[in-house]
Structure formats: structure tokens, C-alpha cells
Amino acid sequence: MLVIGVGNPLRGDDGVGVHVARELAQRPLPEGVEVLDGGTEGLDLIFHLEAAERVLFIDAAEMGCPPGEAQVFDGAQVTSNVPARFSSTHGFGVAEVLALARSVGVAPEVTVLGIQPASLTAGDGLSAEVAARLTQYVDLAQELIASDRERAVSGARGPKE
């Protein structure tokens, strides 16, 4: 599994995905899990998707929720034409990357951890609302990784009889 934290850390909460990825990379992770600071790579992220079977994106997203709230989306739910449900807070976000990847036949299984920002103003650091929950986001990312691994292992064994 490839975990990609995206966003611009110089725009407040827009960088939460990068902060989560950096914290997650410091924790022990299962074999085969790679964490990438995707920063503001935008469309270049497609090159990372080509080699991955499963991807977890972590990104700040305008979801119409209270600041700091996190939601998990299946990659199929994240489309660039549904801004009210999930809209990245930077130019070419996860939705646009996924749409372009699908159009060229790159289609790993994708999960997105979206985090509602409180502030996107220029400046280094997260808002108090988001910073206070950083550990929770990292824990949630680890849970998503663990559930993905559990599902992959049970799928490899086949259905129970």
C-alpha cells in the first residue's frame, strides 16, 4: 500500500496531509507500506499511482464539516465534478489526479482520508483545531492501513466455507 500525504504546509491547514504523512512515517508500519510526502506534486502523483495496487491519500478537503473533522471516502466517491462532497483545497487535487489517472488506465484501489480545514491562510503551521487532532488523524491512517492489510489477507485466503 502507498500512503500519500498531499498539500501545501505553507498554507495553514492545507498542509495537514503532509503533516500526517510525516508523523505516520515515524511509526512502525507493516511490511509493504510506503509513505510518501506528496506535497504539491499535483499531476505528477500519477507516476506514483502507476506502481501501486492500493493507495491511501490524506488531504485537506472542503467537505462542509466543522473544522478538523475527518471523513473517509472510497476513491470512486472522489470526483472532480462533485465539489460539494469533496473538494481539494489546492489546484490539482486528489480528485483531478484520480480522474486523469483513470482516463489513462491507471486505477489502483483508492481510499481518501479528508480533513476539513479551519484556515488556509499563508503561514507555516496548522490551525489550533486541526493541530489538536493530528495524532487522531495519524491513528486513523494506521487503522485504515491495518484494515486494508486484513482485507487483503482474508481475500487471499478466499471465501470461508
N, C-alpha and C. Protein backbone atom coordinates (compact mmCIF):
# COMPACT_ATOMS: atom_id res chain seq x y z
N MET A 1 0.85 -1.18 0.00
CA MET A 1 0.00 0.00 0.00
C MET A 1 0.89 1.24 0.00
N LEU A 2 0.46 2.22 -0.77
CA LEU A 2 1.14 3.51 -0.82
C LEU A 2 0.27 4.53 -0.11
N VAL A 3 0.85 5.23 0.85
CA VAL A 3 0.16 6.29 1.58
C VAL A 3 0.76 7.61 1.11
N ILE A 4 -0.11 8.52 0.63
CA ILE A 4 0.37 9.80 0.11
C ILE A 4 -0.30 10.94 0.87
N GLY A 5 0.50 11.73 1.54
CA GLY A 5 0.00 12.95 2.18
C GLY A 5 0.24 14.10 1.24
N VAL A 6 -0.83 14.84 0.91
CA VAL A 6 -0.70 15.94 -0.03
C VAL A 6 -1.11 17.26 0.61
N GLY A 7 -0.63 18.34 0.02
CA GLY A 7 -1.00 19.68 0.48
C GLY A 7 0.21 20.58 0.59
N ASN A 8 -0.06 21.83 0.85
CA ASN A 8 0.98 22.85 0.96
C ASN A 8 1.12 23.30 2.41
N PRO A 9 2.18 22.88 3.10
CA PRO A 9 2.35 23.23 4.51
C PRO A 9 2.53 24.74 4.75
N LEU A 10 2.74 25.51 3.69
CA LEU A 10 2.88 26.96 3.85
C LEU A 10 1.54 27.68 3.73
N ARG A 11 0.45 26.90 3.63
CA ARG A 11 -0.90 27.47 3.57
C ARG A 11 -1.77 26.91 4.70
N GLY A 12 -1.27 26.97 5.91
CA GLY A 12 -2.06 26.55 7.07
C GLY A 12 -2.47 25.10 6.99
N ASP A 13 -3.78 24.88 7.17
CA ASP A 13 -4.31 23.51 7.22
C ASP A 13 -4.24 22.78 5.89
N ASP A 14 -3.96 23.48 4.80
CA ASP A 14 -3.81 22.81 3.51
C ASP A 14 -2.71 21.75 3.60
N GLY A 15 -1.74 21.95 4.50
CA GLY A 15 -0.63 21.01 4.65
C GLY A 15 -0.89 19.86 5.59
N VAL A 16 -2.10 19.67 6.07
CA VAL A 16 -2.35 18.62 7.06
C VAL A 16 -2.01 17.23 6.53
N GLY A 17 -2.24 16.97 5.26
CA GLY A 17 -1.90 15.66 4.70
C GLY A 17 -0.41 15.37 4.79
N VAL A 18 0.40 16.40 4.54
CA VAL A 18 1.85 16.26 4.63
C VAL A 18 2.27 16.03 6.08
N HIS A 19 1.66 16.78 7.00
CA HIS A 19 1.99 16.60 8.43
C HIS A 19 1.64 15.18 8.89
N VAL A 20 0.49 14.69 8.50
CA VAL A 20 0.08 13.33 8.88
C VAL A 20 1.04 12.30 8.29
N ALA A 21 1.40 12.48 7.02
CA ALA A 21 2.32 11.53 6.38
C ALA A 21 3.67 11.51 7.09
N ARG A 22 4.17 12.67 7.45
CA ARG A 22 5.47 12.73 8.13
C ARG A 22 5.42 12.05 9.49
N GLU A 23 4.32 12.27 10.24
CA GLU A 23 4.17 11.61 11.54
C GLU A 23 4.01 10.10 11.37
N LEU A 24 3.21 9.71 10.39
CA LEU A 24 2.97 8.29 10.13
C LEU A 24 4.27 7.58 9.76
N ALA A 25 5.12 8.23 9.00
CA ALA A 25 6.40 7.63 8.58
C ALA A 25 7.32 7.36 9.76
N GLN A 26 7.09 8.02 10.89
CA GLN A 26 7.91 7.81 12.09
C GLN A 26 7.44 6.62 12.91
N ARG A 27 6.30 6.08 12.59
CA ARG A 27 5.73 4.96 13.33
C ARG A 27 6.09 3.64 12.64
N PRO A 28 6.08 2.55 13.42
CA PRO A 28 6.30 1.25 12.78
C PRO A 28 5.09 0.91 11.89
N LEU A 29 5.38 0.51 10.67
CA LEU A 29 4.33 0.19 9.71
C LEU A 29 4.53 -1.22 9.18
N PRO A 30 3.47 -1.86 8.75
CA PRO A 30 3.60 -3.21 8.20
C PRO A 30 4.50 -3.22 6.97
N GLU A 31 5.09 -4.37 6.72
CA GLU A 31 5.91 -4.55 5.52
C GLU A 31 5.06 -4.25 4.28
N GLY A 32 5.66 -3.60 3.32
CA GLY A 32 4.96 -3.29 2.08
C GLY A 32 4.20 -1.99 2.09
N VAL A 33 4.23 -1.25 3.21
CA VAL A 33 3.57 0.05 3.28
C VAL A 33 4.62 1.13 3.08
N GLU A 34 4.40 1.97 2.09
CA GLU A 34 5.31 3.07 1.79
C GLU A 34 4.56 4.38 2.02
N VAL A 35 5.22 5.33 2.70
CA VAL A 35 4.62 6.64 2.95
C VAL A 35 5.35 7.67 2.12
N LEU A 36 4.58 8.49 1.41
CA LEU A 36 5.13 9.50 0.52
C LEU A 36 4.61 10.88 0.91
N ASP A 37 5.53 11.82 1.04
CA ASP A 37 5.16 13.23 1.20
C ASP A 37 4.91 13.74 -0.21
N GLY A 38 3.65 13.77 -0.62
CA GLY A 38 3.29 14.19 -1.97
C GLY A 38 3.23 15.70 -2.13
N GLY A 39 3.30 16.42 -1.01
CA GLY A 39 3.32 17.87 -1.04
C GLY A 39 2.36 18.45 -2.06
N THR A 40 2.90 19.22 -2.97
CA THR A 40 2.09 19.86 -4.01
C THR A 40 2.45 19.31 -5.39
N GLU A 41 2.79 18.03 -5.45
CA GLU A 41 3.19 17.42 -6.72
C GLU A 41 2.09 17.46 -7.77
N GLY A 42 0.85 17.53 -7.35
CA GLY A 42 -0.25 17.62 -8.31
C GLY A 42 -0.30 16.44 -9.25
N LEU A 43 -0.32 16.73 -10.54
CA LEU A 43 -0.47 15.68 -11.54
C LEU A 43 0.69 14.70 -11.58
N ASP A 44 1.84 15.08 -11.07
CA ASP A 44 2.98 14.16 -11.03
C ASP A 44 2.69 12.95 -10.14
N LEU A 45 1.69 13.05 -9.29
CA LEU A 45 1.33 11.91 -8.43
C LEU A 45 0.90 10.70 -9.25
N ILE A 46 0.48 10.92 -10.47
CA ILE A 46 0.07 9.80 -11.33
C ILE A 46 1.20 8.80 -11.49
N PHE A 47 2.43 9.28 -11.56
CA PHE A 47 3.57 8.38 -11.72
C PHE A 47 3.70 7.44 -10.52
N HIS A 48 3.35 7.93 -9.34
CA HIS A 48 3.39 7.07 -8.14
C HIS A 48 2.23 6.08 -8.16
N LEU A 49 1.10 6.49 -8.69
CA LEU A 49 -0.08 5.62 -8.74
C LEU A 49 0.12 4.44 -9.68
N GLU A 50 0.91 4.64 -10.73
CA GLU A 50 1.12 3.58 -11.72
C GLU A 50 1.67 2.30 -11.10
N ALA A 51 2.51 2.43 -10.09
CA ALA A 51 3.17 1.27 -9.50
C ALA A 51 2.41 0.72 -8.29
N ALA A 52 1.30 1.34 -7.91
CA ALA A 52 0.60 0.94 -6.68
C ALA A 52 -0.66 0.15 -6.98
N GLU A 53 -0.93 -0.83 -6.13
CA GLU A 53 -2.21 -1.55 -6.21
C GLU A 53 -3.26 -0.88 -5.36
N ARG A 54 -2.81 -0.38 -4.19
CA ARG A 54 -3.72 0.28 -3.26
C ARG A 54 -3.06 1.56 -2.77
N VAL A 55 -3.88 2.63 -2.65
CA VAL A 55 -3.37 3.94 -2.25
C VAL A 55 -4.29 4.55 -1.21
N LEU A 56 -3.68 5.16 -0.20
CA LEU A 56 -4.40 5.96 0.78
C LEU A 56 -3.91 7.39 0.63
N PHE A 57 -4.80 8.29 0.19
CA PHE A 57 -4.48 9.71 0.13
C PHE A 57 -4.93 10.36 1.42
N ILE A 58 -4.14 11.31 1.91
CA ILE A 58 -4.51 12.11 3.08
C ILE A 58 -4.42 13.56 2.63
N ASP A 59 -5.54 14.30 2.76
CA ASP A 59 -5.59 15.63 2.19
C ASP A 59 -6.59 16.50 2.93
N ALA A 60 -6.31 17.80 2.97
CA ALA A 60 -7.30 18.76 3.44
C ALA A 60 -8.38 18.85 2.38
N ALA A 61 -9.64 18.91 2.81
CA ALA A 61 -10.73 18.92 1.85
C ALA A 61 -11.89 19.76 2.37
N GLU A 62 -12.45 20.57 1.48
CA GLU A 62 -13.65 21.31 1.80
C GLU A 62 -14.83 20.36 1.68
N MET A 63 -15.38 19.97 2.84
CA MET A 63 -16.46 18.99 2.84
C MET A 63 -17.73 19.55 3.50
N GLY A 64 -17.67 20.81 3.93
CA GLY A 64 -18.82 21.40 4.59
C GLY A 64 -19.02 20.90 6.00
N CYS A 65 -17.96 20.45 6.64
CA CYS A 65 -18.00 19.90 8.00
C CYS A 65 -17.39 20.90 8.98
N PRO A 66 -17.53 20.67 10.27
CA PRO A 66 -16.83 21.51 11.24
C PRO A 66 -15.32 21.37 11.07
N PRO A 67 -14.55 22.44 11.31
CA PRO A 67 -13.09 22.38 11.17
C PRO A 67 -12.50 21.23 11.99
N GLY A 68 -11.59 20.49 11.34
CA GLY A 68 -10.90 19.39 12.00
C GLY A 68 -11.56 18.05 11.82
N GLU A 69 -12.81 18.03 11.35
CA GLU A 69 -13.49 16.75 11.17
C GLU A 69 -12.84 15.97 10.04
N ALA A 70 -12.69 14.67 10.23
CA ALA A 70 -12.10 13.79 9.22
C ALA A 70 -13.17 12.84 8.70
N GLN A 71 -13.11 12.58 7.41
CA GLN A 71 -14.02 11.61 6.79
C GLN A 71 -13.22 10.74 5.84
N VAL A 72 -13.67 9.50 5.71
CA VAL A 72 -13.01 8.54 4.83
C VAL A 72 -13.91 8.31 3.62
N PHE A 73 -13.29 8.36 2.44
CA PHE A 73 -14.02 8.19 1.19
C PHE A 73 -13.38 7.06 0.39
N ASP A 74 -14.21 6.33 -0.31
CA ASP A 74 -13.73 5.41 -1.33
C ASP A 74 -13.31 6.27 -2.51
N GLY A 75 -12.25 5.88 -3.19
CA GLY A 75 -11.77 6.66 -4.33
C GLY A 75 -12.82 6.94 -5.38
N ALA A 76 -13.77 6.02 -5.54
CA ALA A 76 -14.83 6.22 -6.53
C ALA A 76 -15.75 7.38 -6.14
N GLN A 77 -15.82 7.71 -4.85
CA GLN A 77 -16.65 8.82 -4.39
C GLN A 77 -16.00 10.17 -4.64
N VAL A 78 -14.71 10.17 -4.88
CA VAL A 78 -13.96 11.41 -5.02
C VAL A 78 -13.85 11.74 -6.50
N THR A 79 -14.70 12.64 -6.94
CA THR A 79 -14.69 13.04 -8.34
C THR A 79 -14.59 14.55 -8.43
N SER A 80 -13.97 15.03 -9.48
CA SER A 80 -13.77 16.46 -9.62
C SER A 80 -15.05 17.19 -9.99
N ASN A 81 -16.12 16.49 -10.32
CA ASN A 81 -17.36 17.17 -10.65
C ASN A 81 -18.36 17.17 -9.50
N VAL A 82 -17.94 16.82 -8.30
CA VAL A 82 -18.82 16.83 -7.15
C VAL A 82 -18.16 17.65 -6.03
N PRO A 83 -17.99 18.96 -6.24
CA PRO A 83 -17.27 19.77 -5.27
C PRO A 83 -17.94 19.87 -3.91
N ALA A 84 -19.23 19.68 -3.83
CA ALA A 84 -19.90 19.80 -2.54
C ALA A 84 -19.57 18.63 -1.62
N ARG A 85 -19.19 17.50 -2.18
CA ARG A 85 -18.89 16.33 -1.37
C ARG A 85 -17.42 16.27 -0.96
N PHE A 86 -16.53 16.57 -1.88
CA PHE A 86 -15.10 16.51 -1.59
C PHE A 86 -14.39 17.41 -2.58
N SER A 87 -13.76 18.44 -2.07
CA SER A 87 -13.04 19.36 -2.94
C SER A 87 -11.69 19.68 -2.31
N SER A 88 -10.62 19.36 -3.01
CA SER A 88 -9.29 19.64 -2.50
C SER A 88 -9.11 21.13 -2.32
N THR A 89 -8.24 21.49 -1.40
CA THR A 89 -8.01 22.90 -1.12
C THR A 89 -6.87 23.48 -1.93
N HIS A 90 -6.28 22.71 -2.84
CA HIS A 90 -5.24 23.23 -3.71
C HIS A 90 -5.54 22.84 -5.15
N GLY A 91 -4.91 23.53 -6.08
CA GLY A 91 -5.14 23.39 -7.52
C GLY A 91 -5.51 22.01 -8.01
N PHE A 92 -4.54 21.24 -8.47
CA PHE A 92 -4.80 19.89 -8.93
C PHE A 92 -4.77 18.99 -7.72
N GLY A 93 -5.94 18.71 -7.21
CA GLY A 93 -6.05 17.91 -6.02
C GLY A 93 -6.24 16.44 -6.33
N VAL A 94 -6.60 15.72 -5.30
CA VAL A 94 -6.78 14.28 -5.40
C VAL A 94 -7.82 13.93 -6.46
N ALA A 95 -8.93 14.64 -6.48
CA ALA A 95 -9.99 14.33 -7.44
C ALA A 95 -9.50 14.46 -8.88
N GLU A 96 -8.78 15.51 -9.16
CA GLU A 96 -8.28 15.73 -10.52
C GLU A 96 -7.22 14.69 -10.89
N VAL A 97 -6.35 14.37 -9.95
CA VAL A 97 -5.33 13.34 -10.19
C VAL A 97 -5.99 12.00 -10.47
N LEU A 98 -6.99 11.65 -9.67
CA LEU A 98 -7.67 10.37 -9.87
C LEU A 98 -8.41 10.34 -11.21
N ALA A 99 -9.06 11.45 -11.56
CA ALA A 99 -9.77 11.49 -12.85
C ALA A 99 -8.82 11.30 -14.02
N LEU A 100 -7.69 12.00 -13.99
CA LEU A 100 -6.73 11.86 -15.07
C LEU A 100 -6.12 10.46 -15.09
N ALA A 101 -5.81 9.93 -13.91
CA ALA A 101 -5.24 8.58 -13.84
C ALA A 101 -6.20 7.57 -14.44
N ARG A 102 -7.48 7.66 -14.09
CA ARG A 102 -8.47 6.73 -14.64
C ARG A 102 -8.55 6.85 -16.16
N SER A 103 -8.44 8.08 -16.67
CA SER A 103 -8.56 8.29 -18.11
C SER A 103 -7.42 7.67 -18.90
N VAL A 104 -6.28 7.42 -18.25
CA VAL A 104 -5.15 6.79 -18.94
C VAL A 104 -4.95 5.35 -18.48
N GLY A 105 -5.96 4.80 -17.80
CA GLY A 105 -5.92 3.39 -17.43
C GLY A 105 -5.16 3.08 -16.15
N VAL A 106 -4.84 4.08 -15.36
CA VAL A 106 -4.17 3.87 -14.08
C VAL A 106 -5.25 3.90 -13.01
N ALA A 107 -5.52 2.75 -12.40
CA ALA A 107 -6.66 2.68 -11.49
C ALA A 107 -6.39 1.80 -10.27
N PRO A 108 -5.48 2.22 -9.39
CA PRO A 108 -5.32 1.45 -8.16
C PRO A 108 -6.55 1.60 -7.28
N GLU A 109 -6.71 0.73 -6.31
CA GLU A 109 -7.78 0.86 -5.34
C GLU A 109 -7.42 2.03 -4.44
N VAL A 110 -8.32 3.01 -4.30
CA VAL A 110 -8.01 4.24 -3.59
C VAL A 110 -8.96 4.49 -2.43
N THR A 111 -8.39 4.90 -1.32
CA THR A 111 -9.14 5.40 -0.17
C THR A 111 -8.60 6.80 0.11
N VAL A 112 -9.48 7.70 0.52
CA VAL A 112 -9.07 9.07 0.82
C VAL A 112 -9.50 9.42 2.23
N LEU A 113 -8.54 9.93 3.01
CA LEU A 113 -8.82 10.48 4.32
C LEU A 113 -8.85 11.99 4.15
N GLY A 114 -10.05 12.57 4.17
CA GLY A 114 -10.21 14.01 4.01
C GLY A 114 -10.35 14.68 5.36
N ILE A 115 -9.71 15.83 5.51
CA ILE A 115 -9.74 16.58 6.78
C ILE A 115 -10.19 18.00 6.49
N GLN A 116 -11.27 18.42 7.15
CA GLN A 116 -11.83 19.75 6.96
C GLN A 116 -10.91 20.80 7.57
N PRO A 117 -10.39 21.73 6.75
CA PRO A 117 -9.50 22.77 7.28
C PRO A 117 -10.29 23.85 8.04
N ALA A 118 -9.59 24.51 8.94
CA ALA A 118 -10.14 25.69 9.62
C ALA A 118 -9.60 26.95 8.97
N SER A 119 -8.33 26.90 8.55
CA SER A 119 -7.68 28.07 7.98
C SER A 119 -6.74 27.67 6.85
N LEU A 120 -6.81 28.42 5.75
CA LEU A 120 -5.94 28.17 4.61
C LEU A 120 -5.07 29.40 4.32
N THR A 121 -4.90 30.24 5.32
CA THR A 121 -4.10 31.45 5.12
C THR A 121 -2.62 31.11 5.07
N ALA A 122 -1.89 31.96 4.37
CA ALA A 122 -0.44 31.75 4.25
C ALA A 122 0.20 31.77 5.62
N GLY A 123 1.09 30.85 5.83
CA GLY A 123 1.80 30.76 7.10
C GLY A 123 2.13 29.33 7.42
N ASP A 124 3.20 29.18 8.13
CA ASP A 124 3.67 27.85 8.49
C ASP A 124 2.90 27.37 9.72
N GLY A 125 2.36 26.19 9.65
CA GLY A 125 1.70 25.61 10.81
C GLY A 125 0.21 25.42 10.62
N LEU A 126 -0.31 24.50 11.39
CA LEU A 126 -1.72 24.15 11.35
C LEU A 126 -2.51 25.02 12.32
N SER A 127 -3.81 25.16 12.06
CA SER A 127 -4.70 25.87 12.98
C SER A 127 -4.78 25.08 14.28
N ALA A 128 -5.22 25.72 15.33
CA ALA A 128 -5.35 25.06 16.62
C ALA A 128 -6.31 23.87 16.54
N GLU A 129 -7.42 24.05 15.79
CA GLU A 129 -8.42 22.98 15.68
C GLU A 129 -7.85 21.73 15.03
N VAL A 130 -7.07 21.91 13.99
CA VAL A 130 -6.51 20.76 13.26
C VAL A 130 -5.28 20.21 13.98
N ALA A 131 -4.42 21.08 14.48
CA ALA A 131 -3.21 20.63 15.19
C ALA A 131 -3.58 19.78 16.41
N ALA A 132 -4.65 20.14 17.09
CA ALA A 132 -5.05 19.40 18.30
C ALA A 132 -5.46 17.96 17.98
N ARG A 133 -5.81 17.69 16.73
CA ARG A 133 -6.29 16.35 16.35
C ARG A 133 -5.29 15.60 15.47
N LEU A 134 -4.09 16.12 15.32
CA LEU A 134 -3.11 15.50 14.43
C LEU A 134 -2.87 14.03 14.78
N THR A 135 -2.70 13.73 16.06
CA THR A 135 -2.48 12.35 16.48
C THR A 135 -3.67 11.47 16.12
N GLN A 136 -4.87 12.00 16.22
CA GLN A 136 -6.06 11.23 15.84
C GLN A 136 -6.05 10.89 14.35
N TYR A 137 -5.61 11.84 13.53
CA TYR A 137 -5.55 11.58 12.09
C TYR A 137 -4.51 10.50 11.77
N VAL A 138 -3.37 10.56 12.46
CA VAL A 138 -2.33 9.55 12.24
C VAL A 138 -2.83 8.18 12.70
N ASP A 139 -3.52 8.15 13.85
CA ASP A 139 -4.09 6.89 14.33
C ASP A 139 -5.11 6.34 13.33
N LEU A 140 -5.95 7.22 12.79
CA LEU A 140 -6.95 6.80 11.82
C LEU A 140 -6.28 6.25 10.56
N ALA A 141 -5.23 6.90 10.11
CA ALA A 141 -4.49 6.41 8.94
C ALA A 141 -3.94 5.01 9.23
N GLN A 142 -3.39 4.81 10.43
CA GLN A 142 -2.88 3.47 10.78
C GLN A 142 -4.00 2.44 10.80
N GLU A 143 -5.18 2.82 11.29
CA GLU A 143 -6.32 1.91 11.29
C GLU A 143 -6.72 1.54 9.85
N LEU A 144 -6.70 2.53 8.97
CA LEU A 144 -7.05 2.26 7.57
C LEU A 144 -6.04 1.33 6.92
N ILE A 145 -4.77 1.51 7.25
CA ILE A 145 -3.72 0.62 6.73
C ILE A 145 -3.93 -0.79 7.26
N ALA A 146 -4.22 -0.91 8.56
CA ALA A 146 -4.42 -2.23 9.17
C ALA A 146 -5.65 -2.92 8.58
N SER A 147 -6.74 -2.18 8.38
CA SER A 147 -7.94 -2.81 7.83
C SER A 147 -7.72 -3.21 6.37
N ASP A 148 -6.94 -2.43 5.64
CA ASP A 148 -6.61 -2.78 4.26
C ASP A 148 -5.80 -4.07 4.22
N ARG A 149 -4.84 -4.19 5.12
CA ARG A 149 -3.99 -5.39 5.17
C ARG A 149 -4.83 -6.60 5.56
N GLU A 150 -5.72 -6.41 6.53
CA GLU A 150 -6.58 -7.50 6.97
C GLU A 150 -7.48 -7.98 5.83
N ARG A 151 -8.03 -7.04 5.09
CA ARG A 151 -8.89 -7.36 3.95
C ARG A 151 -8.10 -8.07 2.86
N ALA A 152 -6.87 -7.60 2.61
CA ALA A 152 -6.03 -8.22 1.57
C ALA A 152 -5.68 -9.65 1.95
N VAL A 153 -5.38 -9.89 3.22
CA VAL A 153 -5.02 -11.23 3.68
C VAL A 153 -6.23 -12.16 3.60
N SER A 154 -7.40 -11.68 4.06
CA SER A 154 -8.59 -12.53 4.02
C SER A 154 -9.01 -12.80 2.58
N GLY A 155 -8.82 -11.82 1.69
CA GLY A 155 -9.14 -12.02 0.29
C GLY A 155 -8.22 -13.04 -0.36
N ALA A 156 -6.97 -13.08 0.09
CA ALA A 156 -6.00 -14.04 -0.45
C ALA A 156 -6.33 -15.46 -0.04
N ARG A 157 -6.97 -15.59 1.12
CA ARG A 157 -7.34 -16.93 1.60
C ARG A 157 -8.57 -17.46 0.90
N GLY A 158 -9.34 -16.57 0.32
CA GLY A 158 -10.58 -17.00 -0.34
C GLY A 158 -11.75 -16.98 0.62
N PRO A 159 -12.93 -17.24 0.13
CA PRO A 159 -14.13 -17.21 0.98
C PRO A 159 -14.12 -18.35 1.98
N LYS A 160 -14.74 -18.08 3.13
CA LYS A 160 -14.85 -19.12 4.15
C LYS A 160 -15.95 -20.10 3.76
N GLU A 161 -15.71 -21.34 4.09
CA GLU A 161 -16.71 -22.35 3.75
C GLU A 161 -17.34 -22.87 5.00
